[in-house]
C-alpha atoms as a PDB file:
ATOM      1  CA  MET A   1      -3.659 -13.298  -0.468  1.00  0.00           C
ATOM      2  CA  LYS A   2      -3.779 -11.295  -3.697  1.00  0.00           C
ATOM      3  CA  LYS A   3      -5.512  -8.421  -1.909  1.00  0.00           C
ATOM      4  CA  SER A   4      -2.842  -8.399   0.810  1.00  0.00           C
ATOM      5  CA  PHE A   5      -0.057  -8.385  -1.798  1.00  0.00           C
ATOM      6  CA  LEU A   6      -1.699  -5.562  -3.755  1.00  0.00           C
ATOM      7  CA  LEU A   7      -2.182  -3.574  -0.549  1.00  0.00           C
ATOM      8  CA  PHE A   8       1.520  -4.104   0.251  1.00  0.00           C
ATOM      9  CA  LEU A   9       2.590  -2.847  -3.197  1.00  0.00           C
ATOM     10  CA  THR A  10       0.240   0.133  -2.945  1.00  0.00           C
ATOM     11  CA  THR A  11       1.701   1.066   0.447  1.00  0.00           C
ATOM     12  CA  ILE A  12       5.291   0.837  -0.850  1.00  0.00           C
ATOM     13  CA  LEU A  13       4.383   3.001  -3.865  1.00  0.00           C
ATOM     14  CA  LEU A  14       2.675   5.593  -1.659  1.00  0.00           C
ATOM     15  CA  VAL A  15       5.678   5.790   0.681  1.00  0.00           C
ATOM     16  CA  GLY A  16       7.959   6.307  -2.325  1.00  0.00           C
ATOM     17  CA  ILE A  17       5.811   9.153  -3.659  1.00  0.00           C
ATOM     18  CA  LEU A  18       5.677  10.863  -0.262  1.00  0.00           C
ATOM     19  CA  ALA A  19       9.448  10.519   0.144  1.00  0.00           C
ATOM     20  CA  ALA A  20       9.985  12.121  -3.276  1.00  0.00           C
ATOM     21  CA  CYS A  21       7.690  14.993  -2.331  1.00  0.00           C
ATOM     22  CA  GLY A  22       9.505  15.395   0.979  1.00  0.00           C
ATOM     23  CA  THR A  23      12.855  16.079  -0.687  1.00  0.00           C
ATOM     24  CA  SER A  24      12.624  19.775  -1.449  1.00  0.00           C
ATOM     25  CA  ASP A  25      13.878  21.282  -4.689  1.00  0.00           C
ATOM     26  CA  LYS A  26      16.625  23.189  -2.940  1.00  0.00           C
ATOM     27  CA  LYS A  27      18.959  22.754  -5.870  1.00  0.00           C
ATOM     28  CA  ASP A  28      16.670  24.923  -7.959  1.00  0.00           C
ATOM     29  CA  GLY A  29      15.450  27.138  -5.127  1.00  0.00           C
ATOM     30  CA  ALA A  30      16.080  30.691  -4.044  1.00  0.00           C
ATOM     31  CA  ALA A  31      19.391  32.171  -3.028  1.00  0.00           C
ATOM     32  CA  GLY A  32      18.845  31.211   0.615  1.00  0.00           C
ATOM     33  CA  ASP A  33      18.642  27.511  -0.315  1.00  0.00           C
ATOM     34  CA  LYS A  34      22.012  27.610  -2.104  1.00  0.00           C
ATOM     35  CA  LYS A  35      23.475  29.351   0.931  1.00  0.00           C
ATOM     36  CA  ASP A  36      22.841  26.172   2.962  1.00  0.00           C
ATOM     37  CA  ASN A  37      25.021  24.317   0.449  1.00  0.00           C
ATOM     38  CA  LYS A  38      27.835  26.876   0.873  1.00  0.00           C
ATOM     39  CA  VAL A  39      27.052  28.553  -2.453  1.00  0.00           C
ATOM     40  CA  LEU A  40      26.261  32.286  -2.609  1.00  0.00           C
ATOM     41  CA  ILE A  41      24.539  33.829  -5.614  1.00  0.00           C
ATOM     42  CA  MET A  42      26.051  37.142  -6.704  1.00  0.00           C
ATOM     43  CA  GLY A  43      23.922  39.526  -8.727  1.00  0.00           C
ATOM     44  CA  THR A  44      25.658  41.807 -11.224  1.00  0.00           C
ATOM     45  CA  SER A  45      25.173  43.591 -14.539  1.00  0.00           C
ATOM     46  CA  ALA A  46      27.808  42.139 -16.848  1.00  0.00           C
ATOM     47  CA  ASP A  47      28.214  45.144 -19.131  1.00  0.00           C
ATOM     48  CA  TYR A  48      30.602  47.161 -16.995  1.00  0.00           C
ATOM     49  CA  LYS A  49      34.147  46.294 -18.031  1.00  0.00           C
ATOM     50  CA  PRO A  50      36.486  45.945 -16.175  1.00  0.00           C
ATOM     51  CA  PHE A  51      34.194  45.536 -13.139  1.00  0.00           C
ATOM     52  CA  GLU A  52      32.112  42.756 -14.721  1.00  0.00           C
ATOM     53  CA  TYR A  53      31.701  41.705 -18.347  1.00  0.00           C
ATOM     54  CA  ILE A  54      31.391  38.845 -20.803  1.00  0.00           C
ATOM     55  CA  GLU A  55      34.105  38.595 -23.429  1.00  0.00           C
ATOM     56  CA  THR A  56      32.021  38.438 -26.610  1.00  0.00           C
ATOM     57  CA  GLY A  57      32.983  35.687 -29.017  1.00  0.00           C
ATOM     58  CA  LYS A  58      34.992  33.673 -26.489  1.00  0.00           C
ATOM     59  CA  ASP A  59      32.660  32.213 -23.845  1.00  0.00           C
ATOM     60  CA  ASP A  60      29.735  33.074 -21.567  1.00  0.00           C
ATOM     61  CA  GLU A  61      31.854  33.404 -18.424  1.00  0.00           C
ATOM     62  CA  ILE A  62      31.313  36.595 -16.442  1.00  0.00           C
ATOM     63  CA  LYS A  63      34.674  37.972 -15.335  1.00  0.00           C
ATOM     64  CA  GLY A  64      36.139  41.175 -13.959  1.00  0.00           C
ATOM     65  CA  PHE A  65      37.329  42.971 -10.832  1.00  0.00           C
ATOM     66  CA  ASP A  66      34.051  42.542  -8.934  1.00  0.00           C
ATOM     67  CA  VAL A  67      33.888  38.828  -9.764  1.00  0.00           C
ATOM     68  CA  ASP A  68      37.448  38.246  -8.511  1.00  0.00           C
ATOM     69  CA  LEU A  69      36.715  40.254  -5.376  1.00  0.00           C
ATOM     70  CA  ALA A  70      33.497  38.323  -4.688  1.00  0.00           C
ATOM     71  CA  LYS A  71      35.230  34.966  -5.067  1.00  0.00           C
ATOM     72  CA  ALA A  72      38.096  36.056  -2.826  1.00  0.00           C
ATOM     73  CA  LEU A  73      35.827  37.347  -0.043  1.00  0.00           C
ATOM     74  CA  ALA A  74      33.367  34.462  -0.205  1.00  0.00           C
ATOM     75  CA  GLY A  75      36.201  31.922  -0.391  1.00  0.00           C
ATOM     76  CA  LYS A  76      37.661  33.197   2.878  1.00  0.00           C
ATOM     77  CA  LEU A  77      34.255  32.529   4.467  1.00  0.00           C
ATOM     78  CA  GLY A  78      34.027  29.033   3.023  1.00  0.00           C
ATOM     79  CA  TYR A  79      31.585  29.802   0.199  1.00  0.00           C
ATOM     80  CA  LYS A  80      31.637  29.311  -3.540  1.00  0.00           C
ATOM     81  CA  VAL A  81      30.087  31.974  -5.779  1.00  0.00           C
ATOM     82  CA  GLU A  82      27.554  31.631  -8.589  1.00  0.00           C
ATOM     83  CA  VAL A  83      27.267  34.802 -10.708  1.00  0.00           C
ATOM     84  CA  LYS A  84      23.886  35.868 -12.103  1.00  0.00           C
ATOM     85  CA  ASP A  85      23.630  38.515 -14.853  1.00  0.00           C
ATOM     86  CA  ILE A  86      20.756  40.969 -14.279  1.00  0.00           C
ATOM     87  CA  ASP A  87      20.003  44.414 -15.732  1.00  0.00           C
ATOM     88  CA  PHE A  88      21.426  47.016 -13.339  1.00  0.00           C
ATOM     89  CA  SER A  89      17.998  48.528 -12.688  1.00  0.00           C
ATOM     90  CA  GLY A  90      16.745  45.156 -11.397  1.00  0.00           C
ATOM     91  CA  LEU A  91      19.566  44.353  -8.967  1.00  0.00           C
ATOM     92  CA  ILE A  92      18.014  45.928  -5.852  1.00  0.00           C
ATOM     93  CA  GLN A  93      14.744  44.100  -6.464  1.00  0.00           C
ATOM     94  CA  ALA A  94      16.658  40.847  -6.963  1.00  0.00           C
ATOM     95  CA  LEU A  95      18.089  41.292  -3.464  1.00  0.00           C
ATOM     96  CA  LYS A  96      14.718  42.131  -1.947  1.00  0.00           C
ATOM     97  CA  SER A  97      13.048  39.116  -3.569  1.00  0.00           C
ATOM     98  CA  LYS A  98      15.929  36.816  -2.491  1.00  0.00           C
ATOM     99  CA  GLN A  99      16.948  35.885  -6.025  1.00  0.00           C
ATOM    100  CA  VAL A 100      20.534  36.714  -5.061  1.00  0.00           C
ATOM    101  CA  ASP A 101      22.497  36.786  -1.786  1.00  0.00           C
ATOM    102  CA  PHE A 102      24.504  39.909  -2.569  1.00  0.00           C
ATOM    103  CA  VAL A 103      25.206  42.382  -5.382  1.00  0.00           C
ATOM    104  CA  LEU A 104      28.637  43.386  -6.628  1.00  0.00           C
ATOM    105  CA  ALA A 105      28.219  45.698  -9.601  1.00  0.00           C
ATOM    106  CA  GLY A 106      30.182  48.885  -9.064  1.00  0.00           C
ATOM    107  CA  MET A 107      27.163  50.147  -7.104  1.00  0.00           C
ATOM    108  CA  THR A 108      27.271  53.426  -5.172  1.00  0.00           C
ATOM    109  CA  PRO A 109      25.602  53.348  -1.720  1.00  0.00           C
ATOM    110  CA  THR A 110      23.197  56.263  -2.114  1.00  0.00           C
ATOM    111  CA  GLU A 111      20.732  57.240   0.604  1.00  0.00           C
ATOM    112  CA  LYS A 112      17.833  56.091  -1.585  1.00  0.00           C
ATOM    113  CA  ARG A 113      19.342  52.624  -2.024  1.00  0.00           C
ATOM    114  CA  LYS A 114      20.130  52.351   1.687  1.00  0.00           C
ATOM    115  CA  LYS A 115      16.409  52.432   2.389  1.00  0.00           C
ATOM    116  CA  ASN A 116      16.041  49.078   0.635  1.00  0.00           C
ATOM    117  CA  VAL A 117      19.362  47.260   1.161  1.00  0.00           C
ATOM    118  CA  ASP A 118      22.454  47.300   3.369  1.00  0.00           C
ATOM    119  CA  PHE A 119      25.937  48.080   2.059  1.00  0.00           C
ATOM    120  CA  SER A 120      29.460  47.010   2.892  1.00  0.00           C
ATOM    121  CA  ASP A 121      32.293  49.472   3.347  1.00  0.00           C
ATOM    122  CA  ILE A 122      33.555  51.153   0.173  1.00  0.00           C
ATOM    123  CA  TYR A 123      35.886  48.897  -1.803  1.00  0.00           C
ATOM    124  CA  TYR A 124      36.700  51.170  -4.768  1.00  0.00           C
ATOM    125  CA  LYS A 125      36.557  54.927  -5.386  1.00  0.00           C
ATOM    126  CA  THR A 126      36.200  56.511  -8.794  1.00  0.00           C
ATOM    127  CA  ASN A 127      34.850  59.555 -10.657  1.00  0.00           C
ATOM    128  CA  GLN A 128      32.263  60.138 -13.384  1.00  0.00           C
ATOM    129  CA  MET A 129      33.029  61.215 -16.950  1.00  0.00           C
ATOM    130  CA  LEU A 130      31.032  62.933 -19.640  1.00  0.00           C
ATOM    131  CA  VAL A 131      31.715  61.026 -22.855  1.00  0.00           C
ATOM    132  CA  THR A 132      31.002  62.460 -26.307  1.00  0.00           C
ATOM    133  CA  LYS A 133      32.203  62.181 -29.903  1.00  0.00           C
ATOM    134  CA  LYS A 134      35.264  64.113 -31.008  1.00  0.00           C
ATOM    135  CA  GLY A 135      34.274  67.323 -32.737  1.00  0.00           C
ATOM    136  CA  SER A 136      30.956  67.559 -30.890  1.00  0.00           C
ATOM    137  CA  GLY A 137      31.882  70.949 -29.450  1.00  0.00           C
ATOM    138  CA  ILE A 138      31.059  69.721 -25.935  1.00  0.00           C
ATOM    139  CA  GLU A 139      33.998  70.678 -23.742  1.00  0.00           C
ATOM    140  CA  LYS A 140      32.242  71.800 -20.549  1.00  0.00           C
ATOM    141  CA  LEU A 141      28.864  71.340 -18.849  1.00  0.00           C
ATOM    142  CA  GLU A 142      27.453  74.568 -20.265  1.00  0.00           C
ATOM    143  CA  ASP A 143      27.915  73.141 -23.772  1.00  0.00           C
ATOM    144  CA  LEU A 144      25.276  70.502 -22.958  1.00  0.00           C
ATOM    145  CA  LYS A 145      22.403  72.989 -23.081  1.00  0.00           C
ATOM    146  CA  GLY A 146      19.624  71.519 -25.213  1.00  0.00           C
ATOM    147  CA  LYS A 147      21.587  68.293 -25.794  1.00  0.00           C
ATOM    148  CA  THR A 148      20.556  64.657 -25.249  1.00  0.00           C
ATOM    149  CA  VAL A 149      22.546  62.861 -22.574  1.00  0.00           C
ATOM    150  CA  GLY A 150      22.428  59.087 -22.117  1.00  0.00           C
ATOM    151  CA  VAL A 151      22.749  57.263 -18.773  1.00  0.00           C
ATOM    152  CA  GLN A 152      22.335  53.724 -17.489  1.00  0.00           C
ATOM    153  CA  LEU A 153      18.902  53.108 -15.991  1.00  0.00           C
ATOM    154  CA  GLY A 154      18.875  53.149 -12.191  1.00  0.00           C
ATOM    155  CA  SER A 155      22.518  54.226 -11.914  1.00  0.00           C
ATOM    156  CA  ILE A 156      24.305  56.978  -9.997  1.00  0.00           C
ATOM    157  CA  GLN A 157      24.979  58.516 -13.427  1.00  0.00           C
ATOM    158  CA  GLU A 158      21.228  58.945 -13.895  1.00  0.00           C
ATOM    159  CA  THR A 159      21.128  60.903 -10.640  1.00  0.00           C
ATOM    160  CA  LYS A 160      24.126  62.951 -11.813  1.00  0.00           C
ATOM    161  CA  ALA A 161      22.325  63.845 -15.046  1.00  0.00           C
ATOM    162  CA  LYS A 162      19.275  65.023 -13.103  1.00  0.00           C
ATOM    163  CA  ASP A 163      21.525  67.218 -10.964  1.00  0.00           C
ATOM    164  CA  ILE A 164      23.099  68.737 -14.101  1.00  0.00           C
ATOM    165  CA  ASN A 165      19.633  69.353 -15.508  1.00  0.00           C
ATOM    166  CA  LYS A 166      18.885  71.682 -12.591  1.00  0.00           C
ATOM    167  CA  THR A 167      21.406  74.203 -13.912  1.00  0.00           C
ATOM    168  CA  VAL A 168      21.846  73.231 -17.585  1.00  0.00           C
ATOM    169  CA  ALA A 169      18.719  72.201 -19.500  1.00  0.00           C
ATOM    170  CA  ILE A 170      19.346  68.776 -21.052  1.00  0.00           C
ATOM    171  CA  LYS A 171      17.259  65.873 -22.299  1.00  0.00           C
ATOM    172  CA  ILE A 172      17.993  62.682 -20.341  1.00  0.00           C
ATOM    173  CA  GLU A 173      17.639  59.273 -21.989  1.00  0.00           C
ATOM    174  CA  ASN A 174      18.312  55.999 -20.177  1.00  0.00           C
ATOM    175  CA  ARG A 175      19.233  52.524 -21.386  1.00  0.00           C
ATOM    176  CA  ASN A 176      19.762  49.222 -19.560  1.00  0.00           C
ATOM    177  CA  ARG A 177      23.324  48.589 -20.735  1.00  0.00           C
ATOM    178  CA  ILE A 178      26.475  50.672 -21.238  1.00  0.00           C
ATOM    179  CA  PRO A 179      27.112  49.354 -24.797  1.00  0.00           C
ATOM    180  CA  ASP A 180      23.677  50.724 -25.727  1.00  0.00           C
ATOM    181  CA  LEU A 181      24.806  54.212 -24.664  1.00  0.00           C
ATOM    182  CA  ILE A 182      27.939  53.924 -26.792  1.00  0.00           C
ATOM    183  CA  GLN A 183      25.965  52.813 -29.857  1.00  0.00           C
ATOM    184  CA  GLU A 184      23.436  55.637 -29.446  1.00  0.00           C
ATOM    185  CA  MET A 185      26.285  58.177 -29.392  1.00  0.00           C
ATOM    186  CA  LYS A 186      27.966  56.648 -32.413  1.00  0.00           C
ATOM    187  CA  ALA A 187      24.640  56.714 -34.262  1.00  0.00           C
ATOM    188  CA  GLY A 188      24.160  60.399 -33.386  1.00  0.00           C
ATOM    189  CA  ARG A 189      21.019  59.872 -31.290  1.00  0.00           C
ATOM    190  CA  PHE A 190      22.805  60.874 -28.069  1.00  0.00           C
ATOM    191  CA  ASP A 191      25.086  63.902 -27.876  1.00  0.00           C
ATOM    192  CA  ALA A 192      26.867  62.583 -24.791  1.00  0.00           C
ATOM    193  CA  ALA A 193      26.695  60.000 -22.006  1.00  0.00           C
ATOM    194  CA  ILE A 194      27.717  59.942 -18.369  1.00  0.00           C
ATOM    195  CA  ILE A 195      29.777  56.853 -17.536  1.00  0.00           C
ATOM    196  CA  GLU A 196      32.020  55.880 -14.625  1.00  0.00           C
ATOM    197  CA  GLU A 197      35.556  57.068 -15.357  1.00  0.00           C
ATOM    198  CA  ILE A 198      37.424  53.757 -15.412  1.00  0.00           C
ATOM    199  CA  VAL A 199      34.707  52.178 -17.593  1.00  0.00           C
ATOM    200  CA  ALA A 200      34.576  55.225 -19.880  1.00  0.00           C
ATOM    201  CA  LYS A 201      38.350  55.131 -20.414  1.00  0.00           C
ATOM    202  CA  GLY A 202      38.081  51.514 -21.486  1.00  0.00           C
ATOM    203  CA  TYR A 203      35.517  52.373 -24.148  1.00  0.00           C
ATOM    204  CA  MET A 204      37.434  55.452 -25.320  1.00  0.00           C
ATOM    205  CA  LYS A 205      40.537  53.338 -25.810  1.00  0.00           C
ATOM    206  CA  LYS A 206      38.593  50.988 -28.089  1.00  0.00           C
ATOM    207  CA  GLU A 207      36.263  53.525 -29.736  1.00  0.00           C
ATOM    208  CA  THR A 208      38.783  56.124 -30.904  1.00  0.00           C
ATOM    209  CA  GLU A 209      36.111  58.587 -32.080  1.00  0.00           C
ATOM    210  CA  LEU A 210      35.058  59.124 -28.455  1.00  0.00           C
ATOM    211  CA  THR A 211      36.474  61.648 -26.000  1.00  0.00           C
ATOM    212  CA  GLY A 212      35.395  63.051 -22.656  1.00  0.00           C
ATOM    213  CA  PHE A 213      36.163  64.928 -19.466  1.00  0.00           C
ATOM    214  CA  LYS A 214      35.867  64.259 -15.752  1.00  0.00           C
ATOM    215  CA  LEU A 215      32.859  65.653 -13.885  1.00  0.00           C
ATOM    216  CA  ASP A 216      32.997  67.238 -10.444  1.00  0.00           C
ATOM    217  CA  GLU A 217      32.091  64.830  -7.663  1.00  0.00           C
ATOM    218  CA  GLY A 218      28.699  65.149  -6.024  1.00  0.00           C
ATOM    219  CA  PRO A 219      27.941  64.516  -2.327  1.00  0.00           C
ATOM    220  CA  GLU A 220      26.835  60.916  -2.917  1.00  0.00           C
ATOM    221  CA  GLU A 221      29.686  59.831  -5.170  1.00  0.00           C
ATOM    222  CA  GLN A 222      31.581  57.905  -2.528  1.00  0.00           C
ATOM    223  CA  GLY A 223      32.654  54.913  -4.581  1.00  0.00           C
ATOM    224  CA  SER A 224      31.463  51.326  -4.939  1.00  0.00           C
ATOM    225  CA  ALA A 225      30.200  48.969  -2.221  1.00  0.00           C
ATOM    226  CA  ILE A 226      28.672  45.496  -1.932  1.00  0.00           C
ATOM    227  CA  ALA A 227      24.893  45.405  -1.449  1.00  0.00           C
ATOM    228  CA  PHE A 228      23.115  42.885   0.811  1.00  0.00           C
ATOM    229  CA  PRO A 229      19.512  42.278   1.857  1.00  0.00           C
ATOM    230  CA  LYS A 230      18.475  44.264   4.929  1.00  0.00           C
ATOM    231  CA  ASP A 231      19.885  42.796   8.176  1.00  0.00           C
ATOM    232  CA  SER A 232      21.899  40.100   6.357  1.00  0.00           C
ATOM    233  CA  ASP A 233      24.528  38.446   8.553  1.00  0.00           C
ATOM    234  CA  LEU A 234      26.830  38.466   5.511  1.00  0.00           C
ATOM    235  CA  THR A 235      27.375  42.240   5.648  1.00  0.00           C
ATOM    236  CA  GLU A 236      29.560  42.180   8.760  1.00  0.00           C
ATOM    237  CA  LYS A 237      31.368  38.998   7.657  1.00  0.00           C
ATOM    238  CA  PHE A 238      32.251  40.467   4.248  1.00  0.00           C
ATOM    239  CA  ASN A 239      33.337  43.759   5.860  1.00  0.00           C
ATOM    240  CA  LYS A 240      35.805  41.939   8.115  1.00  0.00           C
ATOM    241  CA  GLU A 241      37.384  40.086   5.196  1.00  0.00           C
ATOM    242  CA  LEU A 242      37.368  43.225   3.020  1.00  0.00           C
ATOM    243  CA  LYS A 243      39.277  45.114   5.723  1.00  0.00           C
ATOM    244  CA  LYS A 244      41.858  42.311   5.886  1.00  0.00           C
ATOM    245  CA  MET A 245      42.313  42.426   2.098  1.00  0.00           C
ATOM    246  CA  GLN A 246      42.784  46.202   2.235  1.00  0.00           C
ATOM    247  CA  GLU A 247      45.376  45.892   5.005  1.00  0.00           C
ATOM    248  CA  ASN A 248      47.394  42.962   3.634  1.00  0.00           C
ATOM    249  CA  GLY A 249      47.593  44.283   0.053  1.00  0.00           C
ATOM    250  CA  GLU A 250      45.341  41.679  -1.605  1.00  0.00           C
ATOM    251  CA  LEU A 251      42.869  44.333  -2.747  1.00  0.00           C
ATOM    252  CA  ASP A 252      45.670  46.427  -4.233  1.00  0.00           C
ATOM    253  CA  LYS A 253      46.792  43.415  -6.279  1.00  0.00           C
ATOM    254  CA  LEU A 254      43.296  43.096  -7.772  1.00  0.00           C
ATOM    255  CA  VAL A 255      43.243  46.829  -8.543  1.00  0.00           C
ATOM    256  CA  VAL A 256      46.564  46.544 -10.388  1.00  0.00           C
ATOM    257  CA  LYS A 257      45.344  43.449 -12.264  1.00  0.00           C
ATOM    258  CA  TRP A 258      42.133  45.059 -13.547  1.00  0.00           C
ATOM    259  CA  PHE A 259      42.798  48.806 -13.546  1.00  0.00           C
ATOM    260  CA  GLY A 260      46.541  49.023 -14.004  1.00  0.00           C
ATOM    261  CA  GLY A 261      46.927  50.550 -10.560  1.00  0.00           C
ATOM    262  CA  GLU A 262      44.578  53.502 -11.171  1.00  0.00           C
ATOM    263  CA  GLN A 263      42.335  54.315  -8.209  1.00  0.00           C
END
């Protein structure tokens, strides 16, 4: 009788263990697991105000134009959005390794990037600026000869610097975050930095010792788009909703909210 009772308890315990093992850890899994629960993980680099940033000293919430746009688009498709902060240079790899479902980070759809990920239609167009300290004597590209120019690692600005270097000899230094570029200039270690215009203007408004000028557009500077893993079914779905927002004025309202109407 005792043996039968012990065998019964052992069986119940074993079934419980197997049941626990059978419930997968989807809550802590990859981006694809969260997708089943109607949650999409957005990858971004939260150092790019007003596209995406964290307001230092207030909270850890990532906010900005791209965040609002992501929530609006995903919401129309019945999804909630979880935002993940990643260094810009690691965003493409995060998509490829399925750590995130999509990337919204003011990213330009270059031919090199298109080999690894798919892109939505363009949602915002902008220019690049050369930022420097007032009194630096840098007023045109030719003045950069022999100077050190900072860029964000893995960005379109890094490509722009390499293009400039073909005609004007410069030393290119890269950093992971935009604030690092600003600090290097203020400390005198960088003579200038190439930063997206709308972002650069934001820093110049706050850092009054900075100035700059707009650079000529290159062939790949087509604006910002949303990046997705190759062959993702989300690309077409987001494009449809993006087109609707462009046509009904919703996108314009976000532009006015975050950029004061400048586009």
